[in-house]
């Protein structure tokens, strides 16, 4: 089985700001597992584990996706739930462009039997996963809630293979589909 997802890579300037946010978060008493800023991205569709024989049909389906490049801003660090947070992320503002792209991906992949997401799509980039929450995390999140991490231009989407290692995930690009 191969673990795959589709994403937009972030520019180095945003990744640098992610690292700065992680430094602030690391000073809390919460136990956090940080995403390597060099690997930070906007996930458009997590596909998960698939049989390797499905890779070629997925690549063919992704090559049918057409979209124009679009600007986005990464701003506002938050969590899925302040009472019992599991994931800390930064929100992506893009005027709905990622959501449109997500819908195209869902439609193209559904023809291959890949399940649609069961919840609403919200573009974001993950900064950390919370292993053990602590009240000291709340003021840090409030402090970062209005932080502007930068902007980028989505000029392509990438099909990525994810290999889970004890040191963290290793990502490998399998395909890039460029904007028109």
C-alpha atoms as a PDB file:
ATOM      1  CA  UNK A   1       0.000   0.000   0.000  1.00  0.00           C
ATOM      2  CA  UNK A   2       1.049   3.572  -0.702  1.00  0.00           C
ATOM      3  CA  UNK A   3      -0.002   6.549   1.462  1.00  0.00           C
ATOM      4  CA  UNK A   4      -0.731   9.618  -0.701  1.00  0.00           C
ATOM      5  CA  UNK A   5      -2.231  13.099  -0.623  1.00  0.00           C
ATOM      6  CA  UNK A   6      -2.557  16.185  -2.847  1.00  0.00           C
ATOM      7  CA  UNK A   7      -1.131  19.514  -1.679  1.00  0.00           C
ATOM      8  CA  UNK A   8       0.114  22.991  -2.486  1.00  0.00           C
ATOM      9  CA  UNK A   9       3.654  23.683  -1.294  1.00  0.00           C
ATOM     10  CA  UNK A  10       4.338  26.830   0.710  1.00  0.00           C
ATOM     11  CA  UNK A  11       7.053  29.411  -0.025  1.00  0.00           C
ATOM     12  CA  UNK A  12      10.124  29.542   2.211  1.00  0.00           C
ATOM     13  CA  UNK A  13       9.022  32.901   3.662  1.00  0.00           C
ATOM     14  CA  UNK A  14       5.847  31.296   5.084  1.00  0.00           C
ATOM     15  CA  UNK A  15       7.809  28.281   6.313  1.00  0.00           C
ATOM     16  CA  UNK A  16      10.130  30.643   8.212  1.00  0.00           C
ATOM     17  CA  UNK A  17       7.118  32.219   9.936  1.00  0.00           C
ATOM     18  CA  UNK A  18       5.774  28.757  10.790  1.00  0.00           C
ATOM     19  CA  UNK A  19       9.051  28.020  12.567  1.00  0.00           C
ATOM     20  CA  UNK A  20       8.747  31.274  14.547  1.00  0.00           C
ATOM     21  CA  UNK A  21       5.216  30.316  15.640  1.00  0.00           C
ATOM     22  CA  UNK A  22       6.447  26.872  16.659  1.00  0.00           C
ATOM     23  CA  UNK A  23       9.112  28.458  18.868  1.00  0.00           C
ATOM     24  CA  UNK A  24       6.395  30.394  20.711  1.00  0.00           C
ATOM     25  CA  UNK A  25       4.224  27.261  21.023  1.00  0.00           C
ATOM     26  CA  UNK A  26       7.177  25.213  22.294  1.00  0.00           C
ATOM     27  CA  UNK A  27       7.403  27.496  25.340  1.00  0.00           C
ATOM     28  CA  UNK A  28       4.035  26.237  26.603  1.00  0.00           C
ATOM     29  CA  UNK A  29       3.702  23.216  28.853  1.00  0.00           C
ATOM     30  CA  UNK A  30       1.657  21.307  26.288  1.00  0.00           C
ATOM     31  CA  UNK A  31       3.248  18.265  24.707  1.00  0.00           C
ATOM     32  CA  UNK A  32       3.347  19.010  20.981  1.00  0.00           C
ATOM     33  CA  UNK A  33       4.696  17.234  17.927  1.00  0.00           C
ATOM     34  CA  UNK A  34       5.742  19.873  15.409  1.00  0.00           C
ATOM     35  CA  UNK A  35       5.497  19.596  11.656  1.00  0.00           C
ATOM     36  CA  UNK A  36       8.878  20.121   9.995  1.00  0.00           C
ATOM     37  CA  UNK A  37       8.488  23.619   8.474  1.00  0.00           C
ATOM     38  CA  UNK A  38      10.406  22.453   5.395  1.00  0.00           C
ATOM     39  CA  UNK A  39       7.542  20.013   4.724  1.00  0.00           C
ATOM     40  CA  UNK A  40       4.663  22.396   5.489  1.00  0.00           C
ATOM     41  CA  UNK A  41       1.934  22.496   2.843  1.00  0.00           C
ATOM     42  CA  UNK A  42      -1.763  23.085   2.234  1.00  0.00           C
ATOM     43  CA  UNK A  43      -3.470  19.696   1.983  1.00  0.00           C
ATOM     44  CA  UNK A  44      -6.163  19.741  -0.690  1.00  0.00           C
ATOM     45  CA  UNK A  45      -7.093  16.064  -0.448  1.00  0.00           C
ATOM     46  CA  UNK A  46      -5.770  13.334   1.815  1.00  0.00           C
ATOM     47  CA  UNK A  47      -6.311  10.094  -0.069  1.00  0.00           C
ATOM     48  CA  UNK A  48      -4.633   7.730   2.380  1.00  0.00           C
ATOM     49  CA  UNK A  49      -3.480   4.176   1.763  1.00  0.00           C
ATOM     50  CA  UNK A  50      -4.092   2.896  -1.777  1.00  0.00           C
ATOM     51  CA  UNK A  51      -2.988  -0.131  -3.720  1.00  0.00           C
ATOM     52  CA  UNK A  52       0.012   0.793  -5.919  1.00  0.00           C
ATOM     53  CA  UNK A  53      -1.988  -0.306  -8.980  1.00  0.00           C
ATOM     54  CA  UNK A  54      -4.294   2.690  -8.383  1.00  0.00           C
ATOM     55  CA  UNK A  55      -1.450   5.233  -8.702  1.00  0.00           C
ATOM     56  CA  UNK A  56      -1.537   5.380 -12.507  1.00  0.00           C
ATOM     57  CA  UNK A  57      -5.328   5.967 -12.705  1.00  0.00           C
ATOM     58  CA  UNK A  58      -5.006   8.651 -10.001  1.00  0.00           C
ATOM     59  CA  UNK A  59      -2.235  10.374 -11.982  1.00  0.00           C
ATOM     60  CA  UNK A  60      -4.363  10.254 -15.148  1.00  0.00           C
ATOM     61  CA  UNK A  61      -7.340  11.726 -13.244  1.00  0.00           C
ATOM     62  CA  UNK A  62      -5.199  14.506 -11.760  1.00  0.00           C
ATOM     63  CA  UNK A  63      -3.879  15.440 -15.198  1.00  0.00           C
ATOM     64  CA  UNK A  64      -7.463  16.418 -16.143  1.00  0.00           C
ATOM     65  CA  UNK A  65      -7.604  19.091 -13.403  1.00  0.00           C
ATOM     66  CA  UNK A  66      -7.565  22.626 -14.793  1.00  0.00           C
ATOM     67  CA  UNK A  67      -7.176  25.729 -12.657  1.00  0.00           C
ATOM     68  CA  UNK A  68      -5.733  29.209 -12.838  1.00  0.00           C
ATOM     69  CA  UNK A  69      -3.022  30.252 -10.412  1.00  0.00           C
ATOM     70  CA  UNK A  70      -4.303  32.154  -7.412  1.00  0.00           C
ATOM     71  CA  UNK A  71      -2.867  34.138  -4.511  1.00  0.00           C
ATOM     72  CA  UNK A  72      -3.356  33.137  -0.900  1.00  0.00           C
ATOM     73  CA  UNK A  73      -2.446  34.413   2.541  1.00  0.00           C
ATOM     74  CA  UNK A  74      -1.531  32.299   5.559  1.00  0.00           C
ATOM     75  CA  UNK A  75      -2.808  34.034   8.651  1.00  0.00           C
ATOM     76  CA  UNK A  76      -4.179  33.323  12.094  1.00  0.00           C
ATOM     77  CA  UNK A  77      -2.905  30.386  14.128  1.00  0.00           C
ATOM     78  CA  UNK A  78      -5.646  28.377  15.798  1.00  0.00           C
ATOM     79  CA  UNK A  79      -6.693  24.909  16.885  1.00  0.00           C
ATOM     80  CA  UNK A  80      -9.491  22.512  16.095  1.00  0.00           C
ATOM     81  CA  UNK A  81     -10.907  22.876  19.641  1.00  0.00           C
ATOM     82  CA  UNK A  82      -9.550  25.114  22.409  1.00  0.00           C
ATOM     83  CA  UNK A  83     -10.934  22.910  25.204  1.00  0.00           C
ATOM     84  CA  UNK A  84      -9.249  19.780  23.914  1.00  0.00           C
ATOM     85  CA  UNK A  85      -7.024  20.695  20.956  1.00  0.00           C
ATOM     86  CA  UNK A  86      -5.580  17.928  18.785  1.00  0.00           C
ATOM     87  CA  UNK A  87      -4.249  19.973  15.855  1.00  0.00           C
ATOM     88  CA  UNK A  88      -2.763  23.480  15.653  1.00  0.00           C
ATOM     89  CA  UNK A  89      -2.891  25.149  12.251  1.00  0.00           C
ATOM     90  CA  UNK A  90      -2.712  28.422  10.369  1.00  0.00           C
ATOM     91  CA  UNK A  91      -5.673  29.404   8.236  1.00  0.00           C
ATOM     92  CA  UNK A  92      -5.360  29.978   4.487  1.00  0.00           C
ATOM     93  CA  UNK A  93      -7.310  32.885   2.980  1.00  0.00           C
ATOM     94  CA  UNK A  94      -7.771  32.541  -0.783  1.00  0.00           C
ATOM     95  CA  UNK A  95     -11.223  33.766  -1.724  1.00  0.00           C
ATOM     96  CA  UNK A  96     -12.488  30.187  -2.023  1.00  0.00           C
ATOM     97  CA  UNK A  97      -9.964  29.022  -4.645  1.00  0.00           C
ATOM     98  CA  UNK A  98      -8.693  26.035  -2.621  1.00  0.00           C
ATOM     99  CA  UNK A  99     -12.275  24.897  -1.964  1.00  0.00           C
ATOM    100  CA  UNK A 100     -13.039  24.974  -5.704  1.00  0.00           C
ATOM    101  CA  UNK A 101      -9.886  22.984  -6.404  1.00  0.00           C
ATOM    102  CA  UNK A 102     -10.809  20.538  -3.625  1.00  0.00           C
ATOM    103  CA  UNK A 103     -14.231  19.970  -5.245  1.00  0.00           C
ATOM    104  CA  UNK A 104     -12.604  19.296  -8.624  1.00  0.00           C
ATOM    105  CA  UNK A 105     -10.272  16.773  -6.997  1.00  0.00           C
ATOM    106  CA  UNK A 106     -13.145  15.090  -5.170  1.00  0.00           C
ATOM    107  CA  UNK A 107     -15.117  14.766  -8.429  1.00  0.00           C
ATOM    108  CA  UNK A 108     -12.155  13.433 -10.421  1.00  0.00           C
ATOM    109  CA  UNK A 109     -11.149  10.903  -7.751  1.00  0.00           C
ATOM    110  CA  UNK A 110     -14.699   9.730  -6.972  1.00  0.00           C
ATOM    111  CA  UNK A 111     -14.800   8.108 -10.424  1.00  0.00           C
ATOM    112  CA  UNK A 112     -11.981   5.848  -9.179  1.00  0.00           C
ATOM    113  CA  UNK A 113     -13.865   4.862  -6.046  1.00  0.00           C
ATOM    114  CA  UNK A 114     -11.936   7.189  -3.737  1.00  0.00           C
ATOM    115  CA  UNK A 115     -14.291   8.371  -0.998  1.00  0.00           C
ATOM    116  CA  UNK A 116     -15.247  12.004  -0.724  1.00  0.00           C
ATOM    117  CA  UNK A 117     -14.329  13.814   2.489  1.00  0.00           C
ATOM    118  CA  UNK A 118     -17.025  13.537   5.108  1.00  0.00           C
ATOM    119  CA  UNK A 119     -16.545  17.035   6.533  1.00  0.00           C
ATOM    120  CA  UNK A 120     -16.339  20.547   5.166  1.00  0.00           C
ATOM    121  CA  UNK A 121     -13.028  21.536   3.578  1.00  0.00           C
ATOM    122  CA  UNK A 122     -11.101  24.345   5.273  1.00  0.00           C
ATOM    123  CA  UNK A 123      -7.743  25.292   3.744  1.00  0.00           C
ATOM    124  CA  UNK A 124      -4.981  25.384   6.338  1.00  0.00           C
ATOM    125  CA  UNK A 125      -1.428  24.343   7.057  1.00  0.00           C
ATOM    126  CA  UNK A 126      -0.720  22.217  10.110  1.00  0.00           C
ATOM    127  CA  UNK A 127       1.899  23.500  12.564  1.00  0.00           C
ATOM    128  CA  UNK A 128       1.660  20.879  15.313  1.00  0.00           C
ATOM    129  CA  UNK A 129      -0.265  17.956  16.724  1.00  0.00           C
ATOM    130  CA  UNK A 130      -1.197  18.087  20.394  1.00  0.00           C
ATOM    131  CA  UNK A 131      -0.172  14.980  22.312  1.00  0.00           C
ATOM    132  CA  UNK A 132      -1.055  16.410  25.746  1.00  0.00           C
ATOM    133  CA  UNK A 133      -2.885  19.749  26.041  1.00  0.00           C
ATOM    134  CA  UNK A 134      -2.123  22.264  28.781  1.00  0.00           C
ATOM    135  CA  UNK A 135      -3.822  25.522  29.778  1.00  0.00           C
ATOM    136  CA  UNK A 136      -0.625  27.425  28.897  1.00  0.00           C
ATOM    137  CA  UNK A 137      -1.404  26.704  25.243  1.00  0.00           C
ATOM    138  CA  UNK A 138      -4.481  28.977  25.232  1.00  0.00           C
ATOM    139  CA  UNK A 139      -2.639  32.320  25.743  1.00  0.00           C
ATOM    140  CA  UNK A 140      -0.037  31.307  23.143  1.00  0.00           C
ATOM    141  CA  UNK A 141      -2.786  30.555  20.612  1.00  0.00           C
ATOM    142  CA  UNK A 142      -4.537  33.836  21.415  1.00  0.00           C
ATOM    143  CA  UNK A 143      -1.240  35.669  20.917  1.00  0.00           C
ATOM    144  CA  UNK A 144      -0.780  34.002  17.491  1.00  0.00           C
ATOM    145  CA  UNK A 145      -4.424  34.200  16.395  1.00  0.00           C
ATOM    146  CA  UNK A 146      -3.904  37.391  14.385  1.00  0.00           C
ATOM    147  CA  UNK A 147      -0.385  36.621  13.158  1.00  0.00           C
ATOM    148  CA  UNK A 148       0.209  37.046   9.430  1.00  0.00           C
ATOM    149  CA  UNK A 149       2.554  34.304   8.241  1.00  0.00           C
ATOM    150  CA  UNK A 150       2.841  35.527   4.668  1.00  0.00           C
ATOM    151  CA  UNK A 151       1.453  34.943   1.230  1.00  0.00           C
ATOM    152  CA  UNK A 152       2.037  32.797  -1.787  1.00  0.00           C
ATOM    153  CA  UNK A 153       0.832  32.015  -5.276  1.00  0.00           C
ATOM    154  CA  UNK A 154      -0.651  28.603  -6.003  1.00  0.00           C
ATOM    155  CA  UNK A 155       0.835  27.727  -9.383  1.00  0.00           C
ATOM    156  CA  UNK A 156       0.628  23.965  -9.067  1.00  0.00           C
ATOM    157  CA  UNK A 157      -0.653  21.046  -7.049  1.00  0.00           C
ATOM    158  CA  UNK A 158       1.398  17.993  -6.138  1.00  0.00           C
ATOM    159  CA  UNK A 159       0.556  14.371  -5.600  1.00  0.00           C
ATOM    160  CA  UNK A 160       2.743  13.342  -2.683  1.00  0.00           C
ATOM    161  CA  UNK A 161       3.703   9.982  -1.271  1.00  0.00           C
ATOM    162  CA  UNK A 162       4.013   9.950   2.511  1.00  0.00           C
ATOM    163  CA  UNK A 163       6.225   7.404   4.235  1.00  0.00           C
ATOM    164  CA  UNK A 164       5.820   7.409   7.994  1.00  0.00           C
ATOM    165  CA  UNK A 165       9.143   7.123   9.835  1.00  0.00           C
ATOM    166  CA  UNK A 166       9.968   7.379  13.568  1.00  0.00           C
ATOM    167  CA  UNK A 167      11.626  10.745  12.821  1.00  0.00           C
ATOM    168  CA  UNK A 168       8.474  12.030  11.073  1.00  0.00           C
ATOM    169  CA  UNK A 169       6.908  11.675   7.641  1.00  0.00           C
ATOM    170  CA  UNK A 170       9.045  11.634   4.510  1.00  0.00           C
ATOM    171  CA  UNK A 171       7.333  13.193   1.476  1.00  0.00           C
ATOM    172  CA  UNK A 172       8.094  12.375  -2.130  1.00  0.00           C
ATOM    173  CA  UNK A 173       6.530  14.225  -5.070  1.00  0.00           C
ATOM    174  CA  UNK A 174       4.951  11.818  -7.551  1.00  0.00           C
ATOM    175  CA  UNK A 175       3.323  14.383  -9.870  1.00  0.00           C
ATOM    176  CA  UNK A 176       2.916  18.123 -10.272  1.00  0.00           C
ATOM    177  CA  UNK A 177      -0.057  19.593 -12.122  1.00  0.00           C
ATOM    178  CA  UNK A 178       0.651  23.213 -13.060  1.00  0.00           C
ATOM    179  CA  UNK A 179      -1.971  25.928 -13.347  1.00  0.00           C
ATOM    180  CA  UNK A 180      -3.077  27.021 -16.816  1.00  0.00           C
END
